[in-house]
Amino acid sequence: MSCSSWSESYFAQAKQDFQLARFGAREITKHGASVCMLLQMFFEKYA
């Protein structure tokens, strides 16, 4: 995916972080720490 600005790049990466967090949340007992880290990364980029 080609992005024309920093904001588009950050938003694209934030969406990917969130998708991975949602995937990991399906088995939260195995991936709890990773889900939390991905959600933190998502909110930092989204903000």
PDB file of N, CA and C in Angstrom:
ATOM      1  N   MET A   1       0.840  -1.183   0.000  1.00  0.00           N
ATOM      2  CA  MET A   1       0.000   0.000   0.000  1.00  0.00           C
ATOM      3  C   MET A   1       0.883   1.243   0.000  1.00  0.00           C
ATOM      4  N   SER A   2       0.586   2.145  -0.881  1.00  0.00           N
ATOM      5  CA  SER A   2       1.344   3.374  -0.987  1.00  0.00           C
ATOM      6  C   SER A   2       0.606   4.501  -0.280  1.00  0.00           C
ATOM      7  N   CYS A   3       1.315   5.210   0.573  1.00  0.00           N
ATOM      8  CA  CYS A   3       0.718   6.316   1.317  1.00  0.00           C
ATOM      9  C   CYS A   3       1.387   7.612   0.890  1.00  0.00           C
ATOM     10  N   SER A   4       0.601   8.672   0.799  1.00  0.00           N
ATOM     11  CA  SER A   4       1.147   9.942   0.324  1.00  0.00           C
ATOM     12  C   SER A   4       1.533  10.884   1.455  1.00  0.00           C
ATOM     13  N   SER A   5       1.266  10.500   2.710  1.00  0.00           N
ATOM     14  CA  SER A   5       1.640  11.368   3.822  1.00  0.00           C
ATOM     15  C   SER A   5       1.945  10.531   5.057  1.00  0.00           C
ATOM     16  N   TRP A   6       2.591  11.172   6.031  1.00  0.00           N
ATOM     17  CA  TRP A   6       2.906  10.487   7.283  1.00  0.00           C
ATOM     18  C   TRP A   6       1.627  10.073   7.997  1.00  0.00           C
ATOM     19  N   SER A   7       0.614  10.942   7.960  1.00  0.00           N
ATOM     20  CA  SER A   7      -0.620  10.629   8.675  1.00  0.00           C
ATOM     21  C   SER A   7      -1.307   9.404   8.094  1.00  0.00           C
ATOM     22  N   GLU A   8      -1.272   9.262   6.782  1.00  0.00           N
ATOM     23  CA  GLU A   8      -1.861   8.075   6.153  1.00  0.00           C
ATOM     24  C   GLU A   8      -1.081   6.823   6.527  1.00  0.00           C
ATOM     25  N   SER A   9       0.232   6.941   6.594  1.00  0.00           N
ATOM     26  CA  SER A   9       1.064   5.798   6.972  1.00  0.00           C
ATOM     27  C   SER A   9       0.798   5.369   8.408  1.00  0.00           C
ATOM     28  N   TYR A  10       0.730   6.346   9.313  1.00  0.00           N
ATOM     29  CA  TYR A  10       0.437   6.028  10.711  1.00  0.00           C
ATOM     30  C   TYR A  10      -0.946   5.404  10.852  1.00  0.00           C
ATOM     31  N   PHE A  11      -1.921   5.933  10.127  1.00  0.00           N
ATOM     32  CA  PHE A  11      -3.278   5.393  10.204  1.00  0.00           C
ATOM     33  C   PHE A  11      -3.322   3.964   9.668  1.00  0.00           C
ATOM     34  N   ALA A  12      -2.616   3.697   8.580  1.00  0.00           N
ATOM     35  CA  ALA A  12      -2.576   2.347   8.009  1.00  0.00           C
ATOM     36  C   ALA A  12      -1.946   1.369   8.999  1.00  0.00           C
ATOM     37  N   GLN A  13      -0.863   1.787   9.644  1.00  0.00           N
ATOM     38  CA  GLN A  13      -0.215   0.912  10.621  1.00  0.00           C
ATOM     39  C   GLN A  13      -1.097   0.726  11.852  1.00  0.00           C
ATOM     40  N   ALA A  14      -1.798   1.771  12.271  1.00  0.00           N
ATOM     41  CA  ALA A  14      -2.708   1.662  13.416  1.00  0.00           C
ATOM     42  C   ALA A  14      -3.805   0.641  13.136  1.00  0.00           C
ATOM     43  N   LYS A  15      -4.338   0.656  11.924  1.00  0.00           N
ATOM     44  CA  LYS A  15      -5.371  -0.318  11.569  1.00  0.00           C
ATOM     45  C   LYS A  15      -4.829  -1.739  11.621  1.00  0.00           C
ATOM     46  N   GLN A  16      -3.592  -1.933  11.164  1.00  0.00           N
ATOM     47  CA  GLN A  16      -2.992  -3.265  11.209  1.00  0.00           C
ATOM     48  C   GLN A  16      -2.761  -3.718  12.650  1.00  0.00           C
ATOM     49  N   ASP A  17      -2.303  -2.803  13.500  1.00  0.00           N
ATOM     50  CA  ASP A  17      -2.102  -3.136  14.911  1.00  0.00           C
ATOM     51  C   ASP A  17      -3.423  -3.561  15.544  1.00  0.00           C
ATOM     52  N   PHE A  18      -4.488  -2.836  15.235  1.00  0.00           N
ATOM     53  CA  PHE A  18      -5.794  -3.151  15.815  1.00  0.00           C
ATOM     54  C   PHE A  18      -6.301  -4.499  15.322  1.00  0.00           C
ATOM     55  N   GLN A  19      -6.111  -4.793  14.046  1.00  0.00           N
ATOM     56  CA  GLN A  19      -6.545  -6.081  13.509  1.00  0.00           C
ATOM     57  C   GLN A  19      -5.803  -7.229  14.184  1.00  0.00           C
ATOM     58  N   LEU A  20      -4.501  -7.057  14.408  1.00  0.00           N
ATOM     59  CA  LEU A  20      -3.735  -8.090  15.100  1.00  0.00           C
ATOM     60  C   LEU A  20      -4.188  -8.242  16.548  1.00  0.00           C
ATOM     61  N   ALA A  21      -4.506  -7.140  17.208  1.00  0.00           N
ATOM     62  CA  ALA A  21      -5.001  -7.199  18.584  1.00  0.00           C
ATOM     63  C   ALA A  21      -6.330  -7.946  18.636  1.00  0.00           C
ATOM     64  N   ARG A  22      -7.207  -7.670  17.695  1.00  0.00           N
ATOM     65  CA  ARG A  22      -8.493  -8.386  17.650  1.00  0.00           C
ATOM     66  C   ARG A  22      -8.284  -9.874  17.439  1.00  0.00           C
ATOM     67  N   PHE A  23      -7.357 -10.222  16.562  1.00  0.00           N
ATOM     68  CA  PHE A  23      -7.058 -11.627  16.307  1.00  0.00           C
ATOM     69  C   PHE A  23      -6.525 -12.302  17.567  1.00  0.00           C
ATOM     70  N   GLY A  24      -5.596 -11.654  18.247  1.00  0.00           N
ATOM     71  CA  GLY A  24      -5.023 -12.207  19.473  1.00  0.00           C
ATOM     72  C   GLY A  24      -6.015 -12.297  20.607  1.00  0.00           C
ATOM     73  N   ALA A  25      -6.990 -11.401  20.631  1.00  0.00           N
ATOM     74  CA  ALA A  25      -7.979 -11.376  21.711  1.00  0.00           C
ATOM     75  C   ALA A  25      -8.887 -12.608  21.673  1.00  0.00           C
ATOM     76  N   ARG A  26      -8.913 -13.305  20.564  1.00  0.00           N
ATOM     77  CA  ARG A  26      -9.720 -14.527  20.484  1.00  0.00           C
ATOM     78  C   ARG A  26      -9.229 -15.580  21.464  1.00  0.00           C
ATOM     79  N   GLU A  27      -7.923 -15.554  21.736  1.00  0.00           N
ATOM     80  CA  GLU A  27      -7.335 -16.466  22.712  1.00  0.00           C
ATOM     81  C   GLU A  27      -6.557 -15.622  23.726  1.00  0.00           C
ATOM     82  N   ILE A  28      -7.289 -14.798  24.461  1.00  0.00           N
ATOM     83  CA  ILE A  28      -6.680 -13.805  25.335  1.00  0.00           C
ATOM     84  C   ILE A  28      -5.795 -14.426  26.410  1.00  0.00           C
ATOM     85  N   THR A  29      -6.113 -15.638  26.849  1.00  0.00           N
ATOM     86  CA  THR A  29      -5.291 -16.255  27.889  1.00  0.00           C
ATOM     87  C   THR A  29      -3.886 -16.578  27.394  1.00  0.00           C
ATOM     88  N   LYS A  30      -3.745 -16.823  26.098  1.00  0.00           N
ATOM     89  CA  LYS A  30      -2.427 -17.107  25.521  1.00  0.00           C
ATOM     90  C   LYS A  30      -1.691 -15.832  25.120  1.00  0.00           C
ATOM     91  N   HIS A  31      -2.423 -14.834  24.675  1.00  0.00           N
ATOM     92  CA  HIS A  31      -1.820 -13.675  24.038  1.00  0.00           C
ATOM     93  C   HIS A  31      -2.142 -12.358  24.749  1.00  0.00           C
ATOM     94  N   GLY A  32      -2.463 -12.417  26.024  1.00  0.00           N
ATOM     95  CA  GLY A  32      -2.895 -11.222  26.750  1.00  0.00           C
ATOM     96  C   GLY A  32      -1.916 -10.067  26.694  1.00  0.00           C
ATOM     97  N   ALA A  33      -0.636 -10.333  26.982  1.00  0.00           N
ATOM     98  CA  ALA A  33       0.359  -9.257  26.986  1.00  0.00           C
ATOM     99  C   ALA A  33       0.549  -8.666  25.588  1.00  0.00           C
ATOM    100  N   SER A  34       0.538  -9.516  24.581  1.00  0.00           N
ATOM    101  CA  SER A  34       0.705  -9.034  23.204  1.00  0.00           C
ATOM    102  C   SER A  34      -0.484  -8.194  22.771  1.00  0.00           C
ATOM    103  N   VAL A  35      -1.676  -8.605  23.165  1.00  0.00           N
ATOM    104  CA  VAL A  35      -2.876  -7.839  22.830  1.00  0.00           C
ATOM    105  C   VAL A  35      -2.806  -6.454  23.461  1.00  0.00           C
ATOM    106  N   CYS A  36      -2.403  -6.397  24.719  1.00  0.00           N
ATOM    107  CA  CYS A  36      -2.272  -5.106  25.402  1.00  0.00           C
ATOM    108  C   CYS A  36      -1.242  -4.215  24.713  1.00  0.00           C
ATOM    109  N   MET A  37      -0.108  -4.803  24.329  1.00  0.00           N
ATOM    110  CA  MET A  37       0.934  -4.039  23.641  1.00  0.00           C
ATOM    111  C   MET A  37       0.429  -3.513  22.301  1.00  0.00           C
ATOM    112  N   LEU A  38      -0.275  -4.365  21.552  1.00  0.00           N
ATOM    113  CA  LEU A  38      -0.796  -3.945  20.248  1.00  0.00           C
ATOM    114  C   LEU A  38      -1.852  -2.858  20.400  1.00  0.00           C
ATOM    115  N   LEU A  39      -2.685  -2.954  21.420  1.00  0.00           N
ATOM    116  CA  LEU A  39      -3.683  -1.906  21.649  1.00  0.00           C
ATOM    117  C   LEU A  39      -3.014  -0.589  22.030  1.00  0.00           C
ATOM    118  N   GLN A  40      -1.968  -0.666  22.837  1.00  0.00           N
ATOM    119  CA  GLN A  40      -1.224   0.543  23.176  1.00  0.00           C
ATOM    120  C   GLN A  40      -0.635   1.171  21.922  1.00  0.00           C
ATOM    121  N   MET A  41      -0.016   0.344  21.077  1.00  0.00           N
ATOM    122  CA  MET A  41       0.578   0.852  19.845  1.00  0.00           C
ATOM    123  C   MET A  41      -0.498   1.453  18.943  1.00  0.00           C
ATOM    124  N   PHE A  42      -1.664   0.799  18.882  1.00  0.00           N
ATOM    125  CA  PHE A  42      -2.765   1.323  18.070  1.00  0.00           C
ATOM    126  C   PHE A  42      -3.178   2.721  18.539  1.00  0.00           C
ATOM    127  N   PHE A  43      -3.402   2.870  19.847  1.00  0.00           N
ATOM    128  CA  PHE A  43      -3.863   4.159  20.373  1.00  0.00           C
ATOM    129  C   PHE A  43      -2.808   5.244  20.206  1.00  0.00           C
ATOM    130  N   GLU A  44      -1.530   4.893  20.364  1.00  0.00           N
ATOM    131  CA  GLU A  44      -0.476   5.890  20.163  1.00  0.00           C
ATOM    132  C   GLU A  44      -0.451   6.383  18.726  1.00  0.00           C
ATOM    133  N   LYS A  45      -0.593   5.489  17.774  1.00  0.00           N
ATOM    134  CA  LYS A  45      -0.559   5.893  16.366  1.00  0.00           C
ATOM    135  C   LYS A  45      -1.849   6.577  15.955  1.00  0.00           C
ATOM    136  N   TYR A  46      -2.961   6.115  16.475  1.00  0.00           N
ATOM    137  CA  TYR A  46      -4.253   6.687  16.114  1.00  0.00           C
ATOM    138  C   TYR A  46      -4.403   8.113  16.631  1.00  0.00           C
ATOM    139  N   ALA A  47      -3.836   8.341  17.829  1.00  0.00           N
ATOM    140  CA  ALA A  47      -3.914   9.683  18.438  1.00  0.00           C
ATOM    141  C   ALA A  47      -3.104  10.654  17.622  1.00  0.00           C
TER     142      ALA A  47
END
